[in-house]
Protein backbone atom coordinates (compact mmCIF):
# COMPACT_ATOMS: atom_id res chain seq x y z
CA MET A 1 -38.92 39.28 -44.81
CA THR A 2 -39.87 36.43 -47.10
CA GLY A 3 -40.53 36.96 -50.76
CA SER A 4 -43.80 36.35 -52.54
CA GLY A 5 -42.32 33.46 -54.49
CA LEU A 6 -42.61 35.33 -57.77
CA PHE A 7 -38.82 35.81 -57.90
CA PRO A 8 -36.81 32.82 -56.72
CA SER A 9 -34.11 33.50 -54.17
CA GLY A 10 -31.60 31.44 -52.25
CA PRO A 11 -31.10 31.30 -48.53
CA PRO A 12 -30.74 34.62 -46.72
CA ARG A 13 -27.27 36.13 -46.69
CA PRO A 14 -25.35 35.89 -43.42
CA THR A 15 -24.98 38.95 -41.23
CA TYR A 16 -21.53 39.60 -39.80
CA ARG A 17 -21.11 41.70 -36.70
CA GLU A 18 -17.97 43.18 -35.16
CA PRO A 19 -17.31 41.43 -31.82
CA HIS A 20 -15.83 44.59 -30.26
CA PRO A 21 -17.35 47.61 -32.04
CA VAL A 22 -15.81 51.06 -31.66
CA ARG A 23 -18.07 53.32 -29.63
CA ALA A 24 -17.82 57.09 -29.22
CA ARG A 25 -17.62 56.84 -25.43
CA GLY A 26 -14.57 54.59 -25.63
CA VAL A 27 -12.87 56.92 -28.10
CA LEU A 28 -13.49 59.92 -25.84
CA VAL A 29 -12.16 58.05 -22.80
CA GLY A 30 -9.05 57.08 -24.77
CA LEU A 31 -8.57 60.67 -25.95
CA GLY A 32 -8.78 62.03 -22.42
CA ALA A 33 -6.60 59.35 -20.85
CA ALA A 34 -3.85 59.69 -23.44
CA ALA A 35 -3.91 63.50 -23.29
CA GLY A 36 -3.52 63.40 -19.52
CA TRP A 37 -0.79 60.75 -19.81
CA LEU A 38 1.24 62.80 -22.30
CA LEU A 39 0.73 65.99 -20.29
CA LEU A 40 1.92 64.41 -17.05
CA PHE A 41 4.98 62.90 -18.70
CA GLY A 42 5.75 66.16 -20.49
CA LEU A 43 5.70 68.03 -17.18
CA LEU A 44 8.46 65.79 -15.82
CA GLY A 45 11.05 67.52 -17.99
CA ASP A 46 12.69 70.80 -17.05
CA ASP A 47 14.05 71.82 -20.45
CA LEU A 48 13.07 71.30 -24.09
CA ALA A 49 15.18 68.20 -24.68
CA SER A 50 13.99 66.35 -21.59
CA ARG A 51 10.35 67.26 -22.28
CA MET A 52 10.62 65.89 -25.81
CA TRP A 53 12.25 62.65 -24.65
CA TRP A 54 9.61 62.22 -21.94
CA THR A 55 6.93 62.78 -24.58
CA VAL A 56 8.53 60.15 -26.84
CA ALA A 57 8.67 57.67 -23.93
CA ALA A 58 5.06 58.39 -22.94
CA GLY A 59 3.97 57.99 -26.56
CA ALA A 60 5.74 54.63 -26.85
CA ALA A 61 4.01 53.42 -23.70
CA GLY A 62 0.72 54.79 -25.05
CA TRP A 63 1.15 52.89 -28.32
CA LEU A 64 1.82 49.68 -26.39
CA ALA A 65 -1.34 50.30 -24.38
CA ALA A 66 -3.28 50.98 -27.59
CA LEU A 67 -2.03 47.72 -29.10
CA ALA A 68 -3.08 45.81 -25.98
CA LEU A 69 -6.49 47.51 -25.96
CA ALA A 70 -7.02 46.81 -29.66
CA ARG A 71 -6.10 43.16 -29.21
CA ALA A 72 -8.03 42.28 -26.08
CA GLY A 73 -9.90 45.32 -24.81
CA ASP A 74 -11.89 48.31 -25.91
CA ARG A 75 -11.04 49.18 -29.51
CA GLY A 76 -12.60 52.62 -29.19
CA ALA A 77 -10.22 53.50 -26.36
CA ALA A 78 -7.35 52.16 -28.47
CA VAL A 79 -8.34 54.51 -31.29
CA GLY A 80 -8.43 57.47 -28.91
CA VAL A 81 -5.06 56.64 -27.35
CA ALA A 82 -3.41 56.12 -30.75
CA ALA A 83 -4.86 59.36 -32.14
CA VAL A 84 -3.71 61.53 -29.23
CA THR A 85 -0.30 59.86 -29.19
CA GLY A 86 0.16 60.61 -32.88
CA VAL A 87 -0.90 64.23 -32.42
CA GLY A 88 1.34 64.58 -29.36
CA TRP A 89 4.34 63.26 -31.25
CA ALA A 90 3.58 65.58 -34.15
CA VAL A 91 3.40 68.59 -31.83
CA ALA A 92 6.64 67.57 -30.12
CA GLY A 93 8.34 67.19 -33.50
CA GLY A 94 7.04 70.57 -34.59
CA VAL A 95 8.36 72.24 -31.43
CA VAL A 96 11.78 70.67 -31.99
CA ALA A 97 11.77 71.74 -35.65
CA VAL A 98 10.82 75.34 -34.80
CA HIS A 99 13.46 75.52 -32.08
CA TRP A 100 16.06 74.15 -34.49
CA ALA A 101 15.02 76.58 -37.24
CA VAL A 102 15.06 79.61 -34.94
CA THR A 103 18.24 78.92 -32.96
CA GLY A 104 20.20 76.68 -35.34
CA ASP A 105 20.84 74.33 -32.41
CA TRP A 106 19.53 70.75 -32.47
CA PRO A 107 17.90 70.46 -29.04
CA LEU A 108 17.73 66.67 -28.58
CA TRP A 109 21.43 65.81 -28.24
């Protein structure tokens, strides 16, 4: 919109746009994919220690995928993958801490 000329103004300010905006659909896809990924890897273990190590390995692979997605792919999916991976690691750490507190035995070695 141009002014009336009553108040002088310079050229219009530039508008910057994100080249890869984060969309809700991408975040939801990332959330679902990472949750399934962590669940499948967690089911590979047969005791607490192996389930936790599988979860750590799946989370590391998930973080690498999130970094690749953030760099060259869908940033919304990267956000979803990173969020679920962080929550999954926190839950795994909480399970280990509760087991350690209840039994007095460190389960990961």
